[in-house]
Amino acid sequence: MCEYIASKCKGARVIVDGFAGVGGVAIKMAGINSCVRVIANEASREKLSFLLNNAAIYEVEQYL
């Protein structure tokens, strides 16, 4: 599903994930699109911490 959505966003300079959770969609978007920036919004500080850790694991933290 993420790959399909990402294919529709080709060429986008900014992608917003309004409910990022631990980063599944945001990380996939950053990895596939090589866009300038992915804005990942998450209300839970705990989930945001996991998101940042996961982004580092997948080496896309510079896009988030």
C-alpha atoms as a PDB file:
ATOM      1  CA  MET A   1       0.000   0.000   0.000  1.00  0.00           C
ATOM      2  CA  CYS A   2       2.770   2.444   0.925  1.00  0.00           C
ATOM      3  CA  GLU A   3       4.558   1.843  -2.362  1.00  0.00           C
ATOM      4  CA  TYR A   4       1.378   2.627  -4.285  1.00  0.00           C
ATOM      5  CA  ILE A   5       0.782   5.834  -2.318  1.00  0.00           C
ATOM      6  CA  ALA A   6       4.437   6.801  -2.691  1.00  0.00           C
ATOM      7  CA  SER A   7       4.230   6.314  -6.458  1.00  0.00           C
ATOM      8  CA  LYS A   8       1.421   8.886  -6.539  1.00  0.00           C
ATOM      9  CA  CYS A   9       3.639  11.388  -4.699  1.00  0.00           C
ATOM     10  CA  LYS A  10       6.604  11.252  -7.098  1.00  0.00           C
ATOM     11  CA  GLY A  11       8.161  14.663  -7.484  1.00  0.00           C
ATOM     12  CA  ALA A  12       6.624  16.029  -4.288  1.00  0.00           C
ATOM     13  CA  ARG A  13       8.929  18.246  -2.277  1.00  0.00           C
ATOM     14  CA  VAL A  14       6.998  17.807   0.989  1.00  0.00           C
ATOM     15  CA  ILE A  15       4.843  14.896   2.191  1.00  0.00           C
ATOM     16  CA  VAL A  16       2.792  15.145   5.393  1.00  0.00           C
ATOM     17  CA  ASP A  17       1.907  12.087   7.489  1.00  0.00           C
ATOM     18  CA  GLY A  18      -0.684  13.461   9.909  1.00  0.00           C
ATOM     19  CA  PHE A  19      -0.871  10.375  12.122  1.00  0.00           C
ATOM     20  CA  ALA A  20       2.635   8.960  11.931  1.00  0.00           C
ATOM     21  CA  GLY A  21       2.634   6.437  14.761  1.00  0.00           C
ATOM     22  CA  VAL A  22       6.035   4.748  14.863  1.00  0.00           C
ATOM     23  CA  GLY A  23       6.819   5.870  11.316  1.00  0.00           C
ATOM     24  CA  GLY A  24       5.865   3.045   8.958  1.00  0.00           C
ATOM     25  CA  VAL A  25       4.386   5.251   6.245  1.00  0.00           C
ATOM     26  CA  ALA A  26       6.639   8.267   6.803  1.00  0.00           C
ATOM     27  CA  ILE A  27       9.794   6.142   6.630  1.00  0.00           C
ATOM     28  CA  LYS A  28       8.611   4.344   3.500  1.00  0.00           C
ATOM     29  CA  MET A  29       7.765   7.666   1.830  1.00  0.00           C
ATOM     30  CA  ALA A  30      11.180   9.082   2.679  1.00  0.00           C
ATOM     31  CA  GLY A  31      12.925   5.979   1.368  1.00  0.00           C
ATOM     32  CA  ILE A  32      10.995   5.657  -1.897  1.00  0.00           C
ATOM     33  CA  ASN A  33      10.465   9.257  -2.938  1.00  0.00           C
ATOM     34  CA  SER A  34      13.764  10.811  -1.908  1.00  0.00           C
ATOM     35  CA  CYS A  35      11.704  13.957  -1.438  1.00  0.00           C
ATOM     36  CA  VAL A  36      13.063  17.026   0.263  1.00  0.00           C
ATOM     37  CA  ARG A  37      11.081  16.551   3.509  1.00  0.00           C
ATOM     38  CA  VAL A  38       8.530  14.269   5.189  1.00  0.00           C
ATOM     39  CA  ILE A  39       6.598  15.935   7.991  1.00  0.00           C
ATOM     40  CA  ALA A  40       5.557  13.234  10.450  1.00  0.00           C
ATOM     41  CA  ASN A  41       3.066  14.402  13.078  1.00  0.00           C
ATOM     42  CA  GLU A  42       2.504  12.281  16.194  1.00  0.00           C
ATOM     43  CA  ALA A  43       0.844  13.295  19.475  1.00  0.00           C
ATOM     44  CA  SER A  44       2.435  10.545  21.583  1.00  0.00           C
ATOM     45  CA  ARG A  45       5.972  11.348  22.711  1.00  0.00           C
ATOM     46  CA  GLU A  46       6.674   7.629  23.133  1.00  0.00           C
ATOM     47  CA  LYS A  47       5.651   6.825  19.554  1.00  0.00           C
ATOM     48  CA  LEU A  48       7.612   9.821  18.293  1.00  0.00           C
ATOM     49  CA  SER A  49      10.699   8.464  20.049  1.00  0.00           C
ATOM     50  CA  PHE A  50      10.208   5.111  18.290  1.00  0.00           C
ATOM     51  CA  LEU A  51       9.665   6.905  14.980  1.00  0.00           C
ATOM     52  CA  LEU A  52      12.978   8.744  15.270  1.00  0.00           C
ATOM     53  CA  ASN A  53      14.772   5.540  16.238  1.00  0.00           C
ATOM     54  CA  ASN A  54      13.220   3.667  13.301  1.00  0.00           C
ATOM     55  CA  ALA A  55      14.157   6.474  10.905  1.00  0.00           C
ATOM     56  CA  ALA A  56      17.781   6.154  12.038  1.00  0.00           C
ATOM     57  CA  ILE A  57      17.693   2.381  11.527  1.00  0.00           C
ATOM     58  CA  TYR A  58      16.401   2.826   7.967  1.00  0.00           C
ATOM     59  CA  GLU A  59      18.815   5.739   7.369  1.00  0.00           C
ATOM     60  CA  VAL A  60      16.145   8.287   6.395  1.00  0.00           C
ATOM     61  CA  GLU A  61      16.315  10.562   9.460  1.00  0.00           C
ATOM     62  CA  GLN A  62      17.641  13.419   7.322  1.00  0.00           C
ATOM     63  CA  TYR A  63      14.293  13.496   5.437  1.00  0.00           C
ATOM     64  CA  LEU A  64      12.049  13.613   8.544  1.00  0.00           C
END
